[in-house]
Amino acid sequence: MSTSVSIGYTRTVTRCVKQAQALERAAGSYVLKDIPGKLAVSYGYGGTPPLDLETVRAANLGQYEKARLCYVEYRALLEAAVEKIEPVESAA
């Protein structure tokens, strides 16, 4: 059974700012040419389906295991370095 983190699609319409373009006639057809120094708002359609809960759980577990191993290795390195520090005698 597949369980989704959420229901429905996200960002079905996207909005971004891009280089402005104009249609120009060329060889019996039209081509898009950039308009120098001008930007325009562009809209796109699509969307992202909901994430599968098992896929998300597996990905998070993998990242957790990597982070934990990194911490264990760092702690071992730190302990080895601290063991080599010689105590400083007090001047008092």
Protein backbone atom coordinates (compact mmCIF):
# COMPACT_ATOMS: atom_id res chain seq x y z
CA MET A 1 0.00 0.00 0.00
CA SER A 2 1.38 3.38 -1.00
CA THR A 3 0.72 6.27 1.35
CA SER A 4 1.29 9.87 0.31
CA VAL A 5 2.69 12.60 2.52
CA SER A 6 0.09 14.96 1.11
CA ILE A 7 -2.83 14.95 -1.26
CA GLY A 8 -2.89 16.66 -4.62
CA TYR A 9 -0.30 18.45 -6.68
CA THR A 10 1.83 21.40 -5.67
CA ARG A 11 2.71 24.44 -7.77
CA THR A 12 0.47 23.63 -10.70
CA VAL A 13 1.19 27.12 -12.06
CA THR A 14 4.69 28.54 -11.75
CA ARG A 15 5.75 32.13 -12.25
CA CYS A 16 9.27 33.33 -12.99
CA VAL A 17 11.09 36.29 -14.47
CA LYS A 18 12.99 35.60 -17.71
CA GLN A 19 14.68 37.41 -20.55
CA ALA A 20 11.98 39.12 -22.65
CA GLN A 21 11.59 37.75 -26.18
CA ALA A 22 9.80 38.84 -29.32
CA LEU A 23 8.71 36.91 -32.39
CA GLU A 24 10.59 37.78 -35.56
CA ARG A 25 9.83 36.55 -39.02
CA ALA A 26 12.63 34.51 -40.57
CA ALA A 27 12.57 32.40 -43.76
CA GLY A 28 8.81 31.92 -43.86
CA SER A 29 8.63 31.09 -40.16
CA TYR A 30 8.95 32.82 -36.81
CA VAL A 31 11.79 32.66 -34.28
CA LEU A 32 12.08 34.03 -30.76
CA LYS A 33 14.74 36.71 -30.33
CA ASP A 34 15.88 38.11 -26.97
CA ILE A 35 15.08 41.76 -26.26
CA PRO A 36 18.28 43.18 -24.71
CA GLY A 37 17.88 44.81 -21.30
CA LYS A 38 14.26 43.76 -20.84
CA LEU A 39 12.76 41.12 -18.55
CA ALA A 40 9.28 39.60 -18.62
CA VAL A 41 7.13 37.47 -16.34
CA SER A 42 6.65 33.93 -17.62
CA TYR A 43 4.04 31.39 -16.50
CA GLY A 44 4.36 27.64 -16.74
CA TYR A 45 2.04 24.75 -16.03
CA GLY A 46 2.81 21.42 -14.49
CA GLY A 47 3.01 20.50 -10.86
CA THR A 48 4.67 18.06 -8.55
CA PRO A 49 2.83 14.94 -7.44
CA PRO A 50 2.70 14.13 -3.71
CA LEU A 51 5.66 12.28 -2.22
CA ASP A 52 5.36 8.59 -1.38
CA LEU A 53 5.71 8.12 2.38
CA GLU A 54 7.91 5.00 2.11
CA THR A 55 10.27 6.70 -0.35
CA VAL A 56 10.56 9.73 1.95
CA ARG A 57 11.14 7.53 5.01
CA ALA A 58 13.89 5.56 3.25
CA ALA A 59 15.60 8.74 2.05
CA ASN A 60 15.45 10.32 5.51
CA LEU A 61 16.78 7.15 7.14
CA GLY A 62 19.70 7.06 4.70
CA GLN A 63 20.57 10.69 5.46
CA TYR A 64 20.28 10.06 9.21
CA GLU A 65 22.65 7.08 8.99
CA LYS A 66 25.21 9.14 7.04
CA ALA A 67 25.00 12.01 9.54
CA ARG A 68 25.34 9.66 12.52
CA LEU A 69 28.38 7.92 11.02
CA CYS A 70 29.94 11.32 10.34
CA TYR A 71 29.34 12.32 13.99
CA VAL A 72 30.83 9.06 15.32
CA GLU A 73 33.94 9.48 13.15
CA TYR A 74 34.31 13.15 14.16
CA ARG A 75 33.99 12.27 17.84
CA ALA A 76 36.67 9.55 17.53
CA LEU A 77 38.98 12.02 15.76
CA LEU A 78 38.35 14.65 18.42
CA GLU A 79 38.99 12.20 21.27
CA ALA A 80 42.28 11.11 19.64
CA ALA A 81 43.35 14.73 19.27
CA VAL A 82 42.43 15.61 22.88
CA GLU A 83 44.44 12.66 24.21
CA LYS A 84 47.58 14.15 22.62
CA ILE A 85 47.15 17.54 24.30
CA GLU A 86 49.67 17.92 27.08
CA PRO A 87 48.50 19.58 30.28
CA VAL A 88 49.72 23.10 30.93
CA GLU A 89 51.28 23.62 34.33
CA SER A 90 49.95 26.47 36.37
CA ALA A 91 52.29 29.43 37.04
CA ALA A 92 50.92 29.93 40.56
